[in-house]
């Protein structure tokens, strides 16, 4: 639920980062893995990468950004100090892809529970 709220702008990214950093390391890795799956489900594409990097606030030279530029995932396997950067980047990618999907395929309404979240 939190990941979808972040993607839809219903929860501030700073709040999401605080939530993420409060998780145990193993749970942070699981959250990153889930985000990758959500990005794929939302049909993220390589053309979304530059905007994702810009929105995330991380540098294009940081390891997660370099990985994504090469369309490589697996950020959950990075060292612990790279996990928050990976989270910020994948949330941005998910947000871009999910917004496009909601606009193109779900604009007239849909049955996706995650697209019909209540405002906080």
Protein backbone atom coordinates (compact mmCIF):
# COMPACT_ATOMS: atom_id res chain seq x y z
CA UNK A 1 0.00 0.00 0.00
CA UNK A 2 2.78 2.46 0.91
CA UNK A 3 4.57 1.87 -2.39
CA UNK A 4 1.42 2.59 -4.37
CA UNK A 5 0.71 5.70 -2.28
CA UNK A 6 4.22 6.93 -3.05
CA UNK A 7 3.83 6.22 -6.77
CA UNK A 8 0.56 8.13 -6.89
CA UNK A 9 1.83 11.10 -4.89
CA UNK A 10 -0.55 10.37 -2.01
CA UNK A 11 2.37 10.09 0.40
CA UNK A 12 5.46 12.36 0.37
CA UNK A 13 8.67 10.69 -0.78
CA UNK A 14 10.42 11.82 2.41
CA UNK A 15 7.86 9.90 4.44
CA UNK A 16 8.40 6.84 2.25
CA UNK A 17 12.16 7.09 2.68
CA UNK A 18 11.73 7.32 6.46
CA UNK A 19 9.51 4.22 6.38
CA UNK A 20 12.02 2.38 4.20
CA UNK A 21 14.99 3.28 6.38
CA UNK A 22 13.07 2.08 9.44
CA UNK A 23 12.86 -1.43 8.02
CA UNK A 24 15.36 -4.15 8.84
CA UNK A 25 17.95 -4.56 6.08
CA UNK A 26 16.41 -7.83 4.87
CA UNK A 27 13.00 -6.15 4.61
CA UNK A 28 14.51 -3.21 2.70
CA UNK A 29 15.90 -5.70 0.20
CA UNK A 30 12.48 -7.35 -0.10
CA UNK A 31 10.83 -3.96 -0.63
CA UNK A 32 13.27 -3.20 -3.47
CA UNK A 33 12.51 -6.56 -5.07
CA UNK A 34 8.78 -5.80 -4.85
CA UNK A 35 9.35 -2.37 -6.39
CA UNK A 36 11.12 -3.94 -9.36
CA UNK A 37 8.14 -6.26 -9.87
CA UNK A 38 5.74 -3.30 -9.61
CA UNK A 39 7.80 -1.36 -12.17
CA UNK A 40 7.60 -4.26 -14.60
CA UNK A 41 3.89 -4.71 -13.98
CA UNK A 42 3.33 -1.00 -14.64
CA UNK A 43 5.29 -1.39 -17.91
CA UNK A 44 8.27 0.80 -17.08
CA UNK A 45 10.54 1.26 -20.08
CA UNK A 46 14.09 2.40 -20.73
CA UNK A 47 12.82 5.78 -21.93
CA UNK A 48 11.63 6.43 -18.35
CA UNK A 49 15.14 6.19 -16.91
CA UNK A 50 16.40 9.79 -17.35
CA UNK A 51 13.28 11.26 -15.75
CA UNK A 52 13.45 8.65 -12.97
CA UNK A 53 17.01 9.67 -12.15
CA UNK A 54 16.09 13.35 -12.20
CA UNK A 55 13.04 12.83 -9.97
CA UNK A 56 14.88 10.59 -7.52
CA UNK A 57 17.41 13.24 -6.61
CA UNK A 58 20.33 10.83 -6.85
CA UNK A 59 23.28 11.48 -9.10
CA UNK A 60 23.43 9.76 -12.49
CA UNK A 61 26.82 8.39 -11.44
CA UNK A 62 25.49 6.55 -8.37
CA UNK A 63 25.51 2.80 -8.80
CA UNK A 64 21.71 2.29 -8.87
CA UNK A 65 21.35 4.97 -11.56
CA UNK A 66 24.13 3.44 -13.64
CA UNK A 67 22.48 0.04 -13.31
CA UNK A 68 19.11 1.39 -14.39
CA UNK A 69 20.67 3.25 -17.32
CA UNK A 70 21.86 -0.14 -18.54
CA UNK A 71 18.35 -1.52 -17.81
CA UNK A 72 19.76 -3.76 -15.11
CA UNK A 73 17.88 -4.36 -11.94
CA UNK A 74 18.94 -6.35 -8.88
CA UNK A 75 19.48 -3.34 -6.67
CA UNK A 76 18.43 -5.45 -3.69
CA UNK A 77 21.83 -7.16 -3.94
CA UNK A 78 23.79 -3.90 -3.62
CA UNK A 79 25.64 -2.99 -0.41
CA UNK A 80 23.42 -1.62 2.37
CA UNK A 81 24.59 1.98 1.82
CA UNK A 82 23.11 1.90 -1.72
CA UNK A 83 19.63 0.70 -0.70
CA UNK A 84 18.03 4.08 0.03
CA UNK A 85 19.30 5.50 -3.26
CA UNK A 86 17.88 2.43 -5.01
CA UNK A 87 14.55 2.93 -3.24
CA UNK A 88 14.30 6.58 -4.29
CA UNK A 89 15.14 5.66 -7.89
CA UNK A 90 12.72 2.75 -8.14
CA UNK A 91 9.89 4.74 -6.55
CA UNK A 92 10.43 7.42 -9.20
CA UNK A 93 10.45 4.82 -12.00
CA UNK A 94 7.32 3.16 -10.62
CA UNK A 95 5.58 6.52 -10.33
CA UNK A 96 6.32 7.43 -13.94
CA UNK A 97 5.24 4.05 -15.32
CA UNK A 98 2.16 3.77 -13.11
CA UNK A 99 1.02 7.30 -13.96
CA UNK A 100 1.28 6.49 -17.66
CA UNK A 101 -0.59 3.22 -17.15
CA UNK A 102 -3.39 4.91 -15.18
CA UNK A 103 -3.65 7.64 -17.83
CA UNK A 104 -3.65 5.33 -20.85
CA UNK A 105 -5.41 2.21 -19.65
CA UNK A 106 -7.36 3.10 -16.53
CA UNK A 107 -8.51 6.66 -17.24
CA UNK A 108 -12.18 5.69 -17.45
CA UNK A 109 -11.97 3.75 -14.22
CA UNK A 110 -10.65 0.34 -13.46
CA UNK A 111 -10.95 -2.46 -10.95
CA UNK A 112 -7.35 -2.23 -9.75
CA UNK A 113 -7.62 -1.69 -6.00
CA UNK A 114 -4.19 0.00 -6.02
CA UNK A 115 -5.43 2.61 -8.50
CA UNK A 116 -8.37 3.49 -6.28
CA UNK A 117 -6.62 4.39 -3.05
CA UNK A 118 -8.29 6.91 -0.76
CA UNK A 119 -6.61 10.27 -0.34
CA UNK A 120 -4.73 10.48 2.96
